[in-house]
């Protein structure tokens, strides 16, 4: 016969993982100076930057790759087929996030991250030398494995590298590699492709992978696993942990809504806002810079409160940008969009770490898998809306999904507050 959990005990809180909480303050592994922990965080952030740059690099290179690898000089690879260079790694990353987490077993996480970065470097160097488009796609599959596995494992490492009070900032620094890749990595790769050919761009990202590998080997301390994740553990975590379950739903809604709208931002800016095509790339750069700022603004703040604010703001922004004419309005809304969405990745990561502190890797792998699959789902839904209705239908559909996400966050927050009240203020953990 089992007894009921006492109020305020970890077992009485359905939103959090059982097990000991991390101490209020920890030193970097090995008891070394604090700067070593921050140096390791920078190395991991560089890895995220390189991987996201690698994943998105073909966005600016679709035409030259398709033209060069066609069956003949007159018959290149179509734009739609070339787009598989972006779709394939996203889908593979979604499936490989949990697979790599489980497969890593009891391996040192430092070794796993180094192998994944080496795989990314090799894949890009292979793409740079590829004689056919099929070889490029095979290399892109390996990129997807690297992205999904690295992100799932690296997302929860900050708590093991820096003092507990700095985990928010360290996590924001790690995830700063995501928007920074869009702002700096992809444009730089596109410029290299224009100056030296698309093969040069892929080779440069491969070289960046090798530099990152050296940084990880030099700066990352040994990171033995804190637990063993099994395939059975993943659905069990979803069933037993309400916080993780809600986090997966919020991830899917927010990211699907984002990419349903953002994938078709160019036609919306031109058709609704009346912005000339020659200005769109500059505005998207501004969007990316705003996203970097949003990432660091959200880093040290509560995940639930931040995601509620972000999803509510994005609901309004996406609805307005779909219907409000004028270049000034379109520009202001796009920059606000970037600032708001910039806080999503780091806040979702903090949500998962707070909901399951004793199963960080398992929770993160579920979030990363959902995140990447939602990218593909968003692009698909946005395309159906644009083809079936009009370009503004894409951001309007995205706004509807953001509204659902805001409602989910709100409901979850109410339940968390209720749980803390029932536990006389002792249950729960500030996200």
Protein backbone atom coordinates (compact mmCIF):
# COMPACT_ATOMS: atom_id res chain seq x y z
CA UNK A 1 0.00 0.00 0.00
CA UNK A 2 1.48 3.31 -1.01
CA UNK A 3 1.11 6.50 0.92
CA UNK A 4 0.24 9.87 -0.58
CA UNK A 5 3.08 12.23 -1.19
CA UNK A 6 3.46 14.92 1.38
CA UNK A 7 2.61 18.44 0.29
CA UNK A 8 5.65 20.18 -1.03
CA UNK A 9 7.53 16.99 -1.83
CA UNK A 10 8.81 16.43 -5.40
CA UNK A 11 6.39 13.56 -5.85
CA UNK A 12 3.41 15.81 -5.17
CA UNK A 13 4.17 17.98 -8.15
CA UNK A 14 2.96 16.46 -11.45
CA UNK A 15 4.86 19.03 -13.50
CA UNK A 16 8.35 18.14 -12.35
CA UNK A 17 10.62 15.17 -12.56
CA UNK A 18 11.30 13.20 -9.44
CA UNK A 19 14.82 13.17 -8.20
CA UNK A 20 17.24 15.50 -6.44
CA UNK A 21 17.42 19.03 -7.59
CA UNK A 22 20.76 20.43 -8.67
CA UNK A 23 22.48 22.37 -5.90
CA UNK A 24 21.86 26.09 -5.75
CA UNK A 25 25.38 26.72 -6.93
CA UNK A 26 27.84 24.43 -8.61
CA UNK A 27 31.38 24.78 -9.84
CA UNK A 28 32.54 23.64 -13.27
CA UNK A 29 33.42 19.92 -13.47
CA UNK A 30 36.75 19.15 -11.91
CA UNK A 31 36.57 22.15 -9.57
CA UNK A 32 38.49 24.38 -11.97
CA UNK A 33 38.19 28.17 -12.24
CA UNK A 34 34.93 29.64 -13.50
CA UNK A 35 36.46 30.88 -16.76
CA UNK A 36 36.99 27.30 -17.87
CA UNK A 37 33.28 26.65 -17.61
CA UNK A 38 32.48 29.74 -19.66
CA UNK A 39 35.11 28.79 -22.24
CA UNK A 40 33.39 25.42 -22.59
CA UNK A 41 30.03 27.18 -23.02
CA UNK A 42 31.52 29.30 -25.81
CA UNK A 43 32.83 26.16 -27.53
CA UNK A 44 29.37 24.56 -27.39
CA UNK A 45 27.81 27.79 -28.70
CA UNK A 46 30.27 27.73 -31.59
CA UNK A 47 29.14 24.19 -32.31
CA UNK A 48 25.48 25.24 -32.41
CA UNK A 49 26.39 28.17 -34.67
CA UNK A 50 28.26 25.91 -37.09
CA UNK A 51 25.52 23.28 -37.18
CA UNK A 52 22.67 25.73 -37.80
CA UNK A 53 24.76 27.50 -40.43
CA UNK A 54 25.33 24.13 -42.08
CA UNK A 55 21.62 23.24 -41.92
CA UNK A 56 20.47 26.53 -43.47
CA UNK A 57 23.40 27.16 -45.83
CA UNK A 58 21.64 25.87 -48.99
CA UNK A 59 18.94 28.56 -48.62
CA UNK A 60 21.20 31.01 -50.43
CA UNK A 61 22.77 28.44 -52.75
CA UNK A 62 19.82 26.53 -54.24
CA UNK A 63 20.15 27.99 -57.73
CA UNK A 64 23.91 27.51 -58.25
CA UNK A 65 23.89 24.00 -56.79
CA UNK A 66 20.92 23.01 -58.95
CA UNK A 67 22.47 24.48 -62.09
CA UNK A 68 25.86 22.86 -61.51
CA UNK A 69 24.66 19.36 -60.63
CA UNK A 70 21.97 18.93 -63.28
CA UNK A 71 22.06 16.07 -65.75
CA UNK A 72 23.29 18.48 -68.39
CA UNK A 73 24.18 22.12 -68.88
CA UNK A 74 20.64 22.79 -70.12
CA UNK A 75 18.76 20.70 -67.56
CA UNK A 76 19.59 21.55 -63.96
CA UNK A 77 18.08 20.32 -60.73
CA UNK A 78 14.75 22.11 -60.20
CA UNK A 79 14.35 24.63 -57.39
CA UNK A 80 11.87 22.36 -55.65
CA UNK A 81 14.24 19.40 -55.78
CA UNK A 82 17.18 21.56 -54.67
CA UNK A 83 15.07 22.61 -51.69
CA UNK A 84 15.45 19.06 -50.38
CA UNK A 85 18.87 20.18 -49.18
CA UNK A 86 17.02 22.11 -46.46
CA UNK A 87 14.06 19.78 -45.92
CA UNK A 88 16.06 16.55 -45.54
CA UNK A 89 18.35 17.59 -42.67
CA UNK A 90 15.41 19.14 -40.81
CA UNK A 91 13.40 15.90 -40.95
CA UNK A 92 16.44 13.76 -40.14
CA UNK A 93 17.31 16.01 -37.17
CA UNK A 94 13.79 15.59 -35.82
CA UNK A 95 14.05 11.80 -35.81
CA UNK A 96 17.69 11.62 -34.73
CA UNK A 97 17.40 13.83 -31.63
CA UNK A 98 15.92 10.99 -29.52
CA UNK A 99 17.81 8.27 -31.41
CA UNK A 100 21.23 9.80 -30.70
CA UNK A 101 20.30 10.58 -27.10
CA UNK A 102 19.38 6.95 -26.49
CA UNK A 103 22.28 5.62 -28.56
CA UNK A 104 24.79 7.70 -26.61
CA UNK A 105 24.06 5.47 -23.63
CA UNK A 106 26.83 5.75 -21.06
CA UNK A 107 29.32 7.44 -23.37
CA UNK A 108 31.06 10.59 -22.23
CA UNK A 109 29.06 13.53 -23.65
CA UNK A 110 32.28 15.30 -24.59
CA UNK A 111 33.15 12.39 -26.90
CA UNK A 112 29.65 12.31 -28.40
CA UNK A 113 29.65 16.04 -29.19
CA UNK A 114 33.10 15.79 -30.77
CA UNK A 115 32.02 12.88 -32.98
CA UNK A 116 28.89 14.74 -34.10
CA UNK A 117 30.85 17.89 -34.99
CA UNK A 118 33.40 15.80 -36.86
CA UNK A 119 30.52 14.20 -38.78
CA UNK A 120 29.19 17.65 -39.71
CA UNK A 121 32.62 18.74 -40.93
CA UNK A 122 33.06 15.58 -43.01
CA UNK A 123 29.56 15.93 -44.49
CA UNK A 124 30.19 19.49 -45.67
CA UNK A 125 33.58 18.64 -47.11
CA UNK A 126 31.97 15.71 -48.93
CA UNK A 127 29.27 18.03 -50.30
CA UNK A 128 31.98 20.43 -51.51
CA UNK A 129 33.49 17.58 -53.56
CA UNK A 130 30.21 15.95 -54.62
CA UNK A 131 30.02 14.92 -58.29
CA UNK A 132 26.21 14.50 -58.24
CA UNK A 133 23.19 15.90 -56.44
CA UNK A 134 22.54 12.48 -54.88
CA UNK A 135 25.89 12.69 -53.07
CA UNK A 136 25.00 16.16 -51.77
CA UNK A 137 21.69 14.84 -50.41
CA UNK A 138 23.47 11.92 -48.73
CA UNK A 139 25.81 14.43 -47.07
CA UNK A 140 22.80 16.48 -45.96
CA UNK A 141 21.40 13.40 -44.19
CA UNK A 142 24.59 13.30 -42.10
CA UNK A 143 24.18 17.00 -41.32
CA UNK A 144 20.70 16.21 -39.98
CA UNK A 145 22.09 13.50 -37.71
CA UNK A 146 24.66 15.97 -36.36
CA UNK A 147 22.15 18.77 -35.79
CA UNK A 148 19.58 16.62 -33.99
CA UNK A 149 22.08 14.78 -31.81
CA UNK A 150 24.26 17.74 -30.88
CA UNK A 151 21.35 20.03 -30.03
CA UNK A 152 19.60 17.39 -27.91
CA UNK A 153 22.72 16.74 -25.82
CA UNK A 154 24.18 20.26 -25.71
CA UNK A 155 20.94 22.00 -24.75
CA UNK A 156 21.11 20.88 -21.13
CA UNK A 157 24.86 21.17 -20.54
CA UNK A 158 24.96 24.72 -19.16
CA UNK A 159 23.95 23.53 -15.69
CA UNK A 160 27.03 21.27 -15.68
CA UNK A 161 29.48 23.92 -16.87
CA UNK A 162 28.78 27.12 -14.91
CA UNK A 163 27.51 28.03 -11.42
CA UNK A 164 23.79 27.51 -11.03
CA UNK A 165 23.05 31.24 -10.80
CA UNK A 166 24.54 31.74 -14.29
CA UNK A 167 22.73 28.89 -16.05
CA UNK A 168 20.19 31.23 -17.67
CA UNK A 169 22.90 33.39 -19.24
CA UNK A 170 24.95 30.37 -20.30
CA UNK A 171 21.93 28.72 -21.92
CA UNK A 172 21.17 31.97 -23.75
CA UNK A 173 24.78 32.05 -24.99
CA UNK A 174 24.55 28.47 -26.27
CA UNK A 175 21.28 29.16 -28.08
CA UNK A 176 22.60 32.49 -29.32
CA UNK A 177 24.24 30.37 -32.01
CA UNK A 178 20.81 29.77 -33.59
CA UNK A 179 19.86 33.36 -34.55
CA UNK A 180 23.50 34.33 -35.06
CA UNK A 181 23.80 31.61 -37.70
CA UNK A 182 20.87 33.19 -39.56
CA UNK A 183 22.32 36.71 -39.23
CA UNK A 184 26.00 35.98 -39.90
CA UNK A 185 26.56 32.37 -40.92
CA UNK A 186 24.07 31.99 -43.77
CA UNK A 187 24.74 35.44 -45.36
CA UNK A 188 28.50 34.85 -45.12
CA UNK A 189 28.10 31.43 -46.74
CA UNK A 190 25.97 32.94 -49.50
CA UNK A 191 28.60 35.62 -50.11
CA UNK A 192 31.33 32.98 -50.30
CA UNK A 193 29.20 31.08 -52.78
CA UNK A 194 28.86 34.18 -54.96
CA UNK A 195 32.59 34.96 -54.82
CA UNK A 196 34.12 31.51 -55.04
CA UNK A 197 31.33 29.13 -56.00
CA UNK A 198 28.97 27.05 -53.90
CA UNK A 199 31.62 24.39 -53.28
CA UNK A 200 33.78 26.99 -51.53
CA UNK A 201 30.90 27.81 -49.18
CA UNK A 202 30.40 24.17 -48.20
CA UNK A 203 34.15 23.71 -47.75
CA UNK A 204 34.30 26.78 -45.49
CA UNK A 205 31.56 25.39 -43.23
CA UNK A 206 33.45 22.10 -43.14
CA UNK A 207 36.57 23.96 -42.04
CA UNK A 208 34.50 25.73 -39.36
CA UNK A 209 33.47 22.29 -38.14
CA UNK A 210 37.11 21.27 -37.78
CA UNK A 211 37.89 24.46 -35.83
CA UNK A 212 34.93 23.75 -33.57
CA UNK A 213 36.12 20.18 -33.05
CA UNK A 214 39.50 21.49 -31.87
CA UNK A 215 37.76 23.95 -29.52
CA UNK A 216 35.60 21.21 -28.01
CA UNK A 217 38.59 18.93 -27.51
CA UNK A 218 40.58 21.70 -25.81
CA UNK A 219 37.88 23.42 -23.75
CA UNK A 220 35.16 20.93 -22.91
CA UNK A 221 35.78 18.92 -19.72
CA UNK A 222 34.89 15.23 -19.42
CA UNK A 223 31.10 14.95 -19.12
CA UNK A 224 30.12 11.47 -17.98
CA UNK A 225 26.39 10.74 -18.39
CA UNK A 226 24.18 11.59 -15.44
CA UNK A 227 21.71 8.86 -16.38
CA UNK A 228 20.85 6.35 -19.07
CA UNK A 229 18.06 7.31 -21.48
CA UNK A 230 16.09 4.45 -23.05
CA UNK A 231 13.43 4.45 -25.76
CA UNK A 232 10.88 3.39 -23.16
CA UNK A 233 11.83 6.40 -21.03
CA UNK A 234 10.76 8.94 -23.68
CA UNK A 235 7.04 8.03 -23.89
CA UNK A 236 7.06 7.41 -20.14
CA UNK A 237 8.31 10.95 -19.58
CA UNK A 238 5.52 12.29 -21.78
CA UNK A 239 2.90 10.28 -19.91
CA UNK A 240 4.11 11.03 -16.40
CA UNK A 241 5.32 14.62 -16.65
CA UNK A 242 2.63 17.20 -17.40
CA UNK A 243 5.19 19.98 -17.78
CA UNK A 244 7.13 18.12 -20.46
CA UNK A 245 3.90 17.21 -22.23
CA UNK A 246 2.80 20.84 -22.30
CA UNK A 247 6.26 21.90 -23.44
CA UNK A 248 6.11 19.58 -26.43
CA UNK A 249 2.68 20.95 -27.39
CA UNK A 250 3.84 24.56 -27.04
CA UNK A 251 6.96 23.80 -29.09
CA UNK A 252 4.92 22.31 -31.91
CA UNK A 253 2.38 25.15 -31.98
CA UNK A 254 4.88 28.01 -31.78
CA UNK A 255 7.42 26.61 -34.26
CA UNK A 256 4.78 25.44 -36.74
CA UNK A 257 3.12 28.86 -36.58
CA UNK A 258 6.46 30.59 -36.99
CA UNK A 259 7.54 28.70 -40.08
CA UNK A 260 4.08 28.72 -41.66
CA UNK A 261 4.48 32.51 -41.68
CA UNK A 262 8.24 33.06 -41.98
CA UNK A 263 8.76 30.72 -44.92
CA UNK A 264 6.60 33.07 -46.98
CA UNK A 265 7.63 36.39 -45.44
CA UNK A 266 9.07 37.69 -48.72
CA UNK A 267 5.79 37.64 -50.70
CA UNK A 268 3.93 39.08 -47.70
CA UNK A 269 6.35 42.00 -47.41
CA UNK A 270 6.10 42.67 -51.13
CA UNK A 271 2.36 42.10 -51.66
CA UNK A 272 0.93 43.47 -48.40
CA UNK A 273 3.52 45.94 -47.12
CA UNK A 274 4.51 47.13 -50.57
CA UNK A 275 8.24 46.78 -49.87
CA UNK A 276 10.48 46.51 -52.93
CA UNK A 277 12.28 43.23 -53.53
CA UNK A 278 15.65 45.00 -53.32
CA UNK A 279 15.02 45.91 -49.66
CA UNK A 280 13.77 42.56 -48.41
CA UNK A 281 17.21 41.02 -47.75
CA UNK A 282 18.27 44.07 -45.71
CA UNK A 283 15.08 43.90 -43.66
CA UNK A 284 15.59 40.20 -43.03
CA UNK A 285 19.07 41.00 -41.75
CA UNK A 286 17.43 43.45 -39.34
CA UNK A 287 15.00 40.70 -38.35
CA UNK A 288 17.96 38.45 -37.52
CA UNK A 289 19.74 41.10 -35.45
CA UNK A 290 16.52 41.68 -33.50
CA UNK A 291 16.31 37.90 -32.99
CA UNK A 292 19.79 37.81 -31.42
CA UNK A 293 18.74 40.59 -29.03
CA UNK A 294 15.53 38.73 -28.18
CA UNK A 295 17.48 35.57 -27.40
CA UNK A 296 19.63 37.25 -24.77
CA UNK A 297 16.76 39.29 -23.34
CA UNK A 298 14.83 36.08 -22.73
CA UNK A 299 17.78 34.04 -21.47
CA UNK A 300 17.61 34.85 -17.76
CA UNK A 301 13.83 35.25 -17.50
CA UNK A 302 11.12 32.78 -16.51
CA UNK A 303 10.25 30.42 -19.34
CA UNK A 304 6.49 30.33 -18.80
CA UNK A 305 6.12 34.09 -18.49
CA UNK A 306 8.39 34.71 -21.48
CA UNK A 307 6.62 32.19 -23.74
CA UNK A 308 3.23 33.60 -22.78
CA UNK A 309 4.42 37.10 -23.70
CA UNK A 310 6.12 35.91 -26.90
CA UNK A 311 3.19 33.84 -28.19
CA UNK A 312 0.69 36.61 -27.40
CA UNK A 313 2.85 39.23 -29.13
CA UNK A 314 3.40 37.01 -32.16
CA UNK A 315 -0.34 36.42 -32.45
CA UNK A 316 -0.85 40.17 -32.84
CA UNK A 317 2.23 40.75 -35.01
CA UNK A 318 1.46 38.00 -37.52
CA UNK A 319 -2.18 39.04 -37.79
CA UNK A 320 -1.23 42.67 -38.41
CA UNK A 321 1.55 42.01 -40.91
CA UNK A 322 -0.96 39.99 -42.98
CA UNK A 323 -3.44 42.86 -43.32
CA UNK A 324 -1.74 46.18 -42.52
CA UNK A 325 -0.41 47.94 -45.65
CA UNK A 326 2.55 50.33 -45.80
CA UNK A 327 6.32 49.91 -45.83
CA UNK A 328 6.77 51.61 -42.44
CA UNK A 329 4.25 49.29 -40.78
CA UNK A 330 5.73 46.22 -42.45
CA UNK A 331 9.26 47.17 -41.35
CA UNK A 332 8.27 47.85 -37.74
CA UNK A 333 6.26 44.63 -37.51
CA UNK A 334 9.08 42.55 -39.01
CA UNK A 335 11.61 43.88 -36.47
CA UNK A 336 9.15 43.28 -33.62
CA UNK A 337 8.62 39.77 -34.99
CA UNK A 338 12.35 39.05 -34.88
CA UNK A 339 12.70 40.41 -31.34
CA UNK A 340 9.79 38.32 -30.06
CA UNK A 341 10.69 35.06 -31.79
CA UNK A 342 14.35 35.38 -30.75
CA UNK A 343 13.42 34.32 -27.23
CA UNK A 344 11.65 31.11 -28.24
CA UNK A 345 14.49 28.55 -28.42
CA UNK A 346 16.15 29.45 -25.12
CA UNK A 347 12.78 29.71 -23.32
CA UNK A 348 11.62 26.31 -24.58
CA UNK A 349 14.91 24.81 -23.41
CA UNK A 350 14.50 26.34 -19.93
CA UNK A 351 10.89 25.09 -19.82
CA UNK A 352 12.09 21.52 -20.41
CA UNK A 353 14.98 21.73 -17.94
CA UNK A 354 12.63 23.08 -15.28
CA UNK A 355 9.96 20.47 -15.95
CA UNK A 356 12.37 17.51 -15.85
CA UNK A 357 15.61 18.48 -14.06
CA UNK A 358 16.53 14.84 -13.48
CA UNK A 359 15.93 13.87 -17.14
CA UNK A 360 17.38 16.85 -18.99
CA UNK A 361 18.65 14.91 -22.02
CA UNK A 362 15.42 12.98 -22.52
CA UNK A 363 13.28 16.12 -22.22
CA UNK A 364 15.57 18.09 -24.52
CA UNK A 365 15.56 15.35 -27.15
CA UNK A 366 11.76 15.44 -27.20
CA UNK A 367 11.82 19.22 -27.61
CA UNK A 368 14.44 19.13 -30.38
CA UNK A 369 12.58 16.38 -32.26
CA UNK A 370 9.33 18.33 -32.07
CA UNK A 371 11.07 21.59 -33.01
CA UNK A 372 12.61 20.22 -36.20
CA UNK A 373 9.52 18.31 -37.30
CA UNK A 374 7.45 21.45 -36.68
CA UNK A 375 9.70 23.39 -39.06
CA UNK A 376 8.75 21.00 -41.86
CA UNK A 377 5.07 21.02 -40.81
CA UNK A 378 4.99 24.82 -40.75
CA UNK A 379 6.50 25.17 -44.20
CA UNK A 380 4.02 22.60 -45.55
CA UNK A 381 0.97 24.28 -43.95
CA UNK A 382 2.12 27.71 -45.06
CA UNK A 383 2.56 26.47 -48.61
CA UNK A 384 -0.93 24.99 -48.66
CA UNK A 385 -2.35 28.28 -47.37
CA UNK A 386 -0.50 30.35 -49.95
CA UNK A 387 -1.38 28.06 -52.87
CA UNK A 388 -4.97 27.54 -51.80
CA UNK A 389 -5.84 31.06 -50.59
CA UNK A 390 -3.22 33.83 -50.76
CA UNK A 391 0.13 34.92 -49.33
CA UNK A 392 -1.43 36.72 -46.31
CA UNK A 393 -3.14 33.45 -45.33
CA UNK A 394 0.23 32.08 -44.19
CA UNK A 395 0.85 34.61 -41.38
CA UNK A 396 -2.85 34.53 -40.45
CA UNK A 397 -2.61 30.77 -40.02
CA UNK A 398 0.56 31.28 -38.01
CA UNK A 399 -1.25 33.79 -35.79
CA UNK A 400 -3.98 31.24 -35.08
CA UNK A 401 -1.40 28.68 -33.97
CA UNK A 402 0.36 31.27 -31.80
CA UNK A 403 -2.98 32.02 -30.11
CA UNK A 404 -3.40 28.32 -29.33
CA UNK A 405 0.15 28.27 -27.94
CA UNK A 406 -0.60 31.28 -25.71
CA UNK A 407 -3.69 29.50 -24.39
CA UNK A 408 -1.66 26.36 -23.65
CA UNK A 409 1.00 28.32 -21.77
CA UNK A 410 -1.66 30.20 -19.81
CA UNK A 411 -3.45 27.01 -18.81
CA UNK A 412 -0.18 25.35 -17.79
CA UNK A 413 0.82 28.38 -15.72
CA UNK A 414 -2.51 28.31 -13.86
CA UNK A 415 -2.02 24.62 -13.06
CA UNK A 416 1.52 25.28 -11.82
CA UNK A 417 0.32 28.08 -9.53
CA UNK A 418 -2.48 25.83 -8.28
CA UNK A 419 0.04 23.07 -7.56
CA UNK A 420 2.21 25.44 -5.56
CA UNK A 421 -0.82 26.62 -3.58
CA UNK A 422 -1.86 23.04 -2.81
CA UNK A 423 1.70 22.34 -1.67
CA UNK A 424 1.66 25.36 0.69
CA UNK A 425 4.06 27.23 -1.55
CA UNK A 426 6.77 24.60 -1.37
CA UNK A 427 6.10 22.70 -4.57
CA UNK A 428 7.37 23.86 -7.91
CA UNK A 429 10.42 25.36 -9.34
CA UNK A 430 10.70 28.79 -10.91
CA UNK A 431 11.09 28.44 -14.66
